[in-house]
Protein backbone atom coordinates (compact mmCIF):
# COMPACT_ATOMS: atom_id res chain seq x y z
CA MET A 1 8.15 -27.76 -47.17
CA SER A 2 10.08 -25.45 -49.49
CA ILE A 3 12.43 -26.67 -52.15
CA GLU A 4 15.34 -25.01 -50.34
CA THR A 5 14.55 -26.90 -47.15
CA THR A 6 14.38 -30.14 -49.08
CA LYS A 7 17.74 -29.43 -50.70
CA LEU A 8 19.33 -28.78 -47.32
CA GLU A 9 17.90 -31.98 -45.88
CA LEU A 10 19.16 -33.97 -48.86
CA MET A 11 22.61 -32.38 -48.60
CA HIS A 12 22.74 -33.31 -44.93
CA LEU A 13 21.76 -36.90 -45.67
CA LEU A 14 24.22 -37.09 -48.54
CA LEU A 15 27.09 -35.83 -46.40
CA GLN A 16 26.24 -38.27 -43.61
CA THR A 17 26.05 -41.47 -45.66
CA GLN A 18 28.93 -43.83 -46.07
CA LYS A 19 27.00 -46.21 -48.30
CA GLU A 20 28.36 -46.18 -51.80
CA SER A 21 25.23 -47.92 -53.09
CA ILE A 22 23.10 -44.94 -52.04
CA LEU A 23 25.48 -42.49 -53.69
CA LYS A 24 25.39 -44.51 -56.93
CA LYS A 25 21.58 -44.52 -56.89
CA ILE A 26 21.42 -40.77 -56.36
CA LYS A 27 23.92 -40.20 -59.14
CA SER A 28 21.94 -42.42 -61.50
CA VAL A 29 18.77 -40.39 -60.79
CA PHE A 30 20.56 -37.21 -61.85
CA GLU A 31 21.99 -38.88 -64.95
CA GLU A 32 18.56 -40.17 -65.99
CA GLU A 33 17.04 -36.70 -65.58
CA GLN A 34 19.62 -34.95 -67.72
CA VAL A 35 18.21 -33.67 -70.97
CA ASP A 36 20.22 -33.73 -74.16
CA TRP A 37 19.93 -30.12 -75.28
CA TRP A 38 20.99 -31.03 -78.81
CA SER A 39 18.03 -33.34 -79.37
CA GLU A 40 15.66 -30.67 -78.07
CA MET A 41 16.74 -28.22 -80.79
CA SER A 42 14.99 -27.98 -84.11
CA LYS A 43 16.73 -29.36 -87.19
CA LYS A 44 17.19 -25.78 -88.41
CA GLU A 45 18.97 -24.79 -85.17
CA GLN A 46 21.19 -27.87 -85.39
CA GLU A 47 22.10 -27.05 -88.99
CA GLU A 48 22.92 -23.44 -88.08
CA ILE A 49 25.28 -24.62 -85.34
CA LYS A 50 26.93 -27.12 -87.67
CA THR A 51 27.38 -24.38 -90.26
CA GLY A 52 28.92 -22.10 -87.64
CA LEU A 53 31.35 -24.79 -86.56
CA VAL A 54 32.46 -25.40 -90.15
CA GLN A 55 32.92 -21.65 -90.64
CA ALA A 56 34.97 -21.44 -87.43
CA ASP A 57 37.13 -24.38 -88.55
CA ASN A 58 37.74 -22.53 -91.82
CA GLU A 59 38.54 -19.33 -89.89
CA GLU A 60 35.52 -17.60 -91.44
CA TYR A 61 34.61 -15.44 -88.47
CA LYS A 62 34.95 -11.94 -87.08
CA ALA A 63 36.79 -11.11 -83.88
CA ASN A 64 34.56 -10.42 -80.87
CA GLU A 65 35.94 -6.88 -80.62
CA THR A 66 34.83 -6.15 -84.19
CA VAL A 67 31.32 -7.38 -83.55
CA MET A 68 31.03 -5.50 -80.26
CA LYS A 69 32.10 -2.22 -81.91
CA ARG A 70 29.34 -2.64 -84.45
CA PHE A 71 26.72 -2.92 -81.71
CA GLU A 72 28.15 -0.27 -79.33
CA LYS A 73 25.44 2.24 -80.12
CA TRP A 74 22.80 -0.07 -78.59
CA HIS A 75 24.57 -0.42 -75.24
């Protein structure tokens, strides 16, 4: 059975149920499977993002148009 077929079968079952307990269980499965992307980053990547956020808060950035003009020759 393909993954697409399984998805369709699950969607059908989901749409047919009126049991809130089943819906809560399904939702909890998805919540448990979610990965926190922040914790999967290296400390260096986290620090770079934090630095970027501080710079943005201090308005230390270049407009997107300025950056795109700089890289036009590679398009």
